[in-house]
């Protein structure tokens, strides 16, 4: 069973087929991947790993519990997210943004940030490059 690169987390994603474009001489990825979140691996911070490509990956934060914000972090990936349920405050670089169902947000690569969960919070995020690769997604502190 393959693993997410650099994490040791096993997944059942088949190897990606490569196709050579005869016109341009470029090798491209033509695979389609489907991930069932009921069977997805979970990271050490509670994130559920979803579909992952070469340049972007998705993760799910399911029913995160309210509480005080964790220490601020700077990550070496960009994050975009979408709130499914609950409310949270995103604290980043001196700004506070209220996140509610239907809202989406961006945290730029390298921006100092943290989240304060106000109500049980469920959201989907995409990270680029993939947060789970090379230990980028590990809890710090």
C-alpha atoms as a PDB file:
ATOM      1  CA  UNK A   1       0.000   0.000   0.000  1.00  0.00           C
ATOM      2  CA  UNK A   2       1.515   3.385  -0.979  1.00  0.00           C
ATOM      3  CA  UNK A   3       2.110   6.074   1.648  1.00  0.00           C
ATOM      4  CA  UNK A   4       1.740   9.832   1.627  1.00  0.00           C
ATOM      5  CA  UNK A   5       5.227  11.051   0.782  1.00  0.00           C
ATOM      6  CA  UNK A   6       7.363  11.622   3.847  1.00  0.00           C
ATOM      7  CA  UNK A   7       4.651  10.814   6.398  1.00  0.00           C
ATOM      8  CA  UNK A   8       4.494   7.039   6.641  1.00  0.00           C
ATOM      9  CA  UNK A   9       0.695   7.367   6.378  1.00  0.00           C
ATOM     10  CA  UNK A  10      -0.629   4.533   4.255  1.00  0.00           C
ATOM     11  CA  UNK A  11      -3.278   5.100   1.627  1.00  0.00           C
ATOM     12  CA  UNK A  12      -4.911   3.027  -1.074  1.00  0.00           C
ATOM     13  CA  UNK A  13      -4.219   5.377  -3.970  1.00  0.00           C
ATOM     14  CA  UNK A  14      -2.861   3.567  -7.034  1.00  0.00           C
ATOM     15  CA  UNK A  15       0.302   4.715  -8.783  1.00  0.00           C
ATOM     16  CA  UNK A  16      -0.362   7.613 -11.154  1.00  0.00           C
ATOM     17  CA  UNK A  17      -0.130   6.684 -14.837  1.00  0.00           C
ATOM     18  CA  UNK A  18       2.085   8.891 -16.990  1.00  0.00           C
ATOM     19  CA  UNK A  19       1.301   9.783 -20.587  1.00  0.00           C
ATOM     20  CA  UNK A  20       3.746  11.337 -22.996  1.00  0.00           C
ATOM     21  CA  UNK A  21       2.357  14.139 -25.105  1.00  0.00           C
ATOM     22  CA  UNK A  22       3.947  13.411 -28.502  1.00  0.00           C
ATOM     23  CA  UNK A  23       3.443  16.985 -29.701  1.00  0.00           C
ATOM     24  CA  UNK A  24       5.237  18.641 -26.781  1.00  0.00           C
ATOM     25  CA  UNK A  25       7.334  15.749 -25.471  1.00  0.00           C
ATOM     26  CA  UNK A  26       5.964  16.341 -21.968  1.00  0.00           C
ATOM     27  CA  UNK A  27       5.052  13.601 -19.535  1.00  0.00           C
ATOM     28  CA  UNK A  28       1.736  14.418 -17.852  1.00  0.00           C
ATOM     29  CA  UNK A  29      -0.361  12.813 -15.141  1.00  0.00           C
ATOM     30  CA  UNK A  30      -3.725  11.570 -16.404  1.00  0.00           C
ATOM     31  CA  UNK A  31      -5.016   9.810 -13.300  1.00  0.00           C
ATOM     32  CA  UNK A  32      -8.199  10.562 -11.413  1.00  0.00           C
ATOM     33  CA  UNK A  33      -8.158   9.833  -7.689  1.00  0.00           C
ATOM     34  CA  UNK A  34     -11.117   9.268  -5.400  1.00  0.00           C
ATOM     35  CA  UNK A  35     -10.765   9.243  -1.616  1.00  0.00           C
ATOM     36  CA  UNK A  36     -13.497   8.081   0.778  1.00  0.00           C
ATOM     37  CA  UNK A  37     -13.049  10.166   3.945  1.00  0.00           C
ATOM     38  CA  UNK A  38     -14.509   7.363   6.076  1.00  0.00           C
ATOM     39  CA  UNK A  39     -11.271   5.460   5.484  1.00  0.00           C
ATOM     40  CA  UNK A  40      -8.801   8.356   5.236  1.00  0.00           C
ATOM     41  CA  UNK A  41      -5.760   8.572   7.493  1.00  0.00           C
ATOM     42  CA  UNK A  42      -5.818  11.122  10.301  1.00  0.00           C
ATOM     43  CA  UNK A  43      -2.898  13.407  11.144  1.00  0.00           C
ATOM     44  CA  UNK A  44      -1.566  14.104  14.621  1.00  0.00           C
ATOM     45  CA  UNK A  45      -3.525  17.378  14.880  1.00  0.00           C
ATOM     46  CA  UNK A  46      -6.823  15.646  13.998  1.00  0.00           C
ATOM     47  CA  UNK A  47      -6.905  16.561  10.314  1.00  0.00           C
ATOM     48  CA  UNK A  48      -8.376  13.960   7.950  1.00  0.00           C
ATOM     49  CA  UNK A  49      -6.315  13.637   4.780  1.00  0.00           C
ATOM     50  CA  UNK A  50      -8.386  13.710   1.598  1.00  0.00           C
ATOM     51  CA  UNK A  51      -7.370  13.743  -2.075  1.00  0.00           C
ATOM     52  CA  UNK A  52      -3.788  14.716  -2.793  1.00  0.00           C
ATOM     53  CA  UNK A  53      -2.082  15.622  -6.031  1.00  0.00           C
ATOM     54  CA  UNK A  54       1.459  16.618  -6.822  1.00  0.00           C
ATOM     55  CA  UNK A  55       0.924  20.345  -6.163  1.00  0.00           C
ATOM     56  CA  UNK A  56      -2.156  20.502  -3.914  1.00  0.00           C
ATOM     57  CA  UNK A  57      -3.782  18.411  -1.181  1.00  0.00           C
ATOM     58  CA  UNK A  58      -7.076  18.527   0.693  1.00  0.00           C
ATOM     59  CA  UNK A  59      -7.781  17.891   4.347  1.00  0.00           C
ATOM     60  CA  UNK A  60     -10.875  17.928   6.541  1.00  0.00           C
ATOM     61  CA  UNK A  61     -11.179  19.323  10.052  1.00  0.00           C
ATOM     62  CA  UNK A  62     -14.229  17.561  11.496  1.00  0.00           C
ATOM     63  CA  UNK A  63     -16.050  18.786  14.634  1.00  0.00           C
ATOM     64  CA  UNK A  64     -13.060  20.665  16.066  1.00  0.00           C
ATOM     65  CA  UNK A  65     -13.895  21.580  19.677  1.00  0.00           C
ATOM     66  CA  UNK A  66     -14.118  25.157  20.976  1.00  0.00           C
ATOM     67  CA  UNK A  67     -11.284  26.482  23.096  1.00  0.00           C
ATOM     68  CA  UNK A  68      -8.420  28.896  23.363  1.00  0.00           C
ATOM     69  CA  UNK A  69      -6.288  29.445  20.261  1.00  0.00           C
ATOM     70  CA  UNK A  70      -3.163  27.370  19.839  1.00  0.00           C
ATOM     71  CA  UNK A  71       0.205  29.150  19.506  1.00  0.00           C
ATOM     72  CA  UNK A  72       0.602  31.000  16.223  1.00  0.00           C
ATOM     73  CA  UNK A  73       2.390  29.123  13.435  1.00  0.00           C
ATOM     74  CA  UNK A  74       4.072  29.931  10.141  1.00  0.00           C
ATOM     75  CA  UNK A  75       3.761  27.193   7.549  1.00  0.00           C
ATOM     76  CA  UNK A  76       5.662  26.748   4.300  1.00  0.00           C
ATOM     77  CA  UNK A  77       2.483  26.210   2.297  1.00  0.00           C
ATOM     78  CA  UNK A  78      -0.511  28.303   1.264  1.00  0.00           C
ATOM     79  CA  UNK A  79      -3.914  27.305   2.668  1.00  0.00           C
ATOM     80  CA  UNK A  80      -7.374  27.980   1.269  1.00  0.00           C
ATOM     81  CA  UNK A  81     -10.388  26.804   3.240  1.00  0.00           C
ATOM     82  CA  UNK A  82     -14.179  26.566   3.272  1.00  0.00           C
ATOM     83  CA  UNK A  83     -16.376  26.416   6.386  1.00  0.00           C
ATOM     84  CA  UNK A  84     -19.001  23.665   6.405  1.00  0.00           C
ATOM     85  CA  UNK A  85     -20.285  24.105   9.977  1.00  0.00           C
ATOM     86  CA  UNK A  86     -19.526  26.023  13.165  1.00  0.00           C
ATOM     87  CA  UNK A  87     -17.662  29.248  13.774  1.00  0.00           C
ATOM     88  CA  UNK A  88     -14.025  30.165  14.297  1.00  0.00           C
ATOM     89  CA  UNK A  89     -11.786  33.205  14.384  1.00  0.00           C
ATOM     90  CA  UNK A  90      -8.753  33.239  12.130  1.00  0.00           C
ATOM     91  CA  UNK A  91      -5.963  35.351  13.679  1.00  0.00           C
ATOM     92  CA  UNK A  92      -3.276  36.254  11.138  1.00  0.00           C
ATOM     93  CA  UNK A  93      -0.682  39.020  11.010  1.00  0.00           C
ATOM     94  CA  UNK A  94      -2.675  41.312  13.334  1.00  0.00           C
ATOM     95  CA  UNK A  95      -6.014  40.646  11.641  1.00  0.00           C
ATOM     96  CA  UNK A  96      -9.001  38.747  13.057  1.00  0.00           C
ATOM     97  CA  UNK A  97     -11.428  37.226  10.565  1.00  0.00           C
ATOM     98  CA  UNK A  98     -14.694  35.557  11.628  1.00  0.00           C
ATOM     99  CA  UNK A  99     -15.262  32.262   9.783  1.00  0.00           C
ATOM    100  CA  UNK A 100     -18.847  30.989   9.481  1.00  0.00           C
ATOM    101  CA  UNK A 101     -20.622  28.403   7.284  1.00  0.00           C
ATOM    102  CA  UNK A 102     -20.288  29.308   3.619  1.00  0.00           C
ATOM    103  CA  UNK A 103     -17.168  31.465   4.162  1.00  0.00           C
ATOM    104  CA  UNK A 104     -13.855  30.734   2.495  1.00  0.00           C
ATOM    105  CA  UNK A 105     -10.414  32.083   3.383  1.00  0.00           C
ATOM    106  CA  UNK A 106      -6.752  32.168   2.378  1.00  0.00           C
ATOM    107  CA  UNK A 107      -3.682  32.017   4.621  1.00  0.00           C
ATOM    108  CA  UNK A 108      -0.623  32.917   2.543  1.00  0.00           C
ATOM    109  CA  UNK A 109       2.527  30.826   2.748  1.00  0.00           C
ATOM    110  CA  UNK A 110       4.649  31.992   5.675  1.00  0.00           C
ATOM    111  CA  UNK A 111       1.915  34.095   7.341  1.00  0.00           C
ATOM    112  CA  UNK A 112       1.762  33.853  11.131  1.00  0.00           C
ATOM    113  CA  UNK A 113      -1.684  32.529  12.087  1.00  0.00           C
ATOM    114  CA  UNK A 114      -3.863  30.564  14.483  1.00  0.00           C
ATOM    115  CA  UNK A 115      -7.537  29.640  14.803  1.00  0.00           C
ATOM    116  CA  UNK A 116      -9.827  30.064  17.798  1.00  0.00           C
ATOM    117  CA  UNK A 117     -12.744  27.634  17.529  1.00  0.00           C
ATOM    118  CA  UNK A 118     -15.962  29.198  18.857  1.00  0.00           C
ATOM    119  CA  UNK A 119     -18.513  26.467  17.955  1.00  0.00           C
ATOM    120  CA  UNK A 120     -17.883  22.861  16.870  1.00  0.00           C
ATOM    121  CA  UNK A 121     -16.081  23.551  13.597  1.00  0.00           C
ATOM    122  CA  UNK A 122     -15.948  21.571  10.355  1.00  0.00           C
ATOM    123  CA  UNK A 123     -14.011  22.864   7.356  1.00  0.00           C
ATOM    124  CA  UNK A 124     -12.198  21.657   4.270  1.00  0.00           C
ATOM    125  CA  UNK A 125      -8.791  23.078   3.373  1.00  0.00           C
ATOM    126  CA  UNK A 126      -6.531  22.765   0.364  1.00  0.00           C
ATOM    127  CA  UNK A 127      -2.803  23.322   0.770  1.00  0.00           C
ATOM    128  CA  UNK A 128      -0.137  24.007  -1.805  1.00  0.00           C
ATOM    129  CA  UNK A 129       2.314  22.436  -1.776  1.00  0.00           C
ATOM    130  CA  UNK A 130       0.659  19.469  -0.024  1.00  0.00           C
ATOM    131  CA  UNK A 131       0.862  20.032   3.738  1.00  0.00           C
ATOM    132  CA  UNK A 132       1.362  16.360   4.567  1.00  0.00           C
ATOM    133  CA  UNK A 133       4.523  16.006   2.474  1.00  0.00           C
ATOM    134  CA  UNK A 134       7.982  16.332   4.063  1.00  0.00           C
ATOM    135  CA  UNK A 135       6.639  16.857   7.592  1.00  0.00           C
ATOM    136  CA  UNK A 136       5.059  20.244   6.778  1.00  0.00           C
ATOM    137  CA  UNK A 137       1.824  19.317   8.580  1.00  0.00           C
ATOM    138  CA  UNK A 138       3.253  18.204  11.911  1.00  0.00           C
ATOM    139  CA  UNK A 139       2.246  19.812  15.193  1.00  0.00           C
ATOM    140  CA  UNK A 140       4.942  22.114  16.512  1.00  0.00           C
ATOM    141  CA  UNK A 141       5.669  23.526  19.903  1.00  0.00           C
END
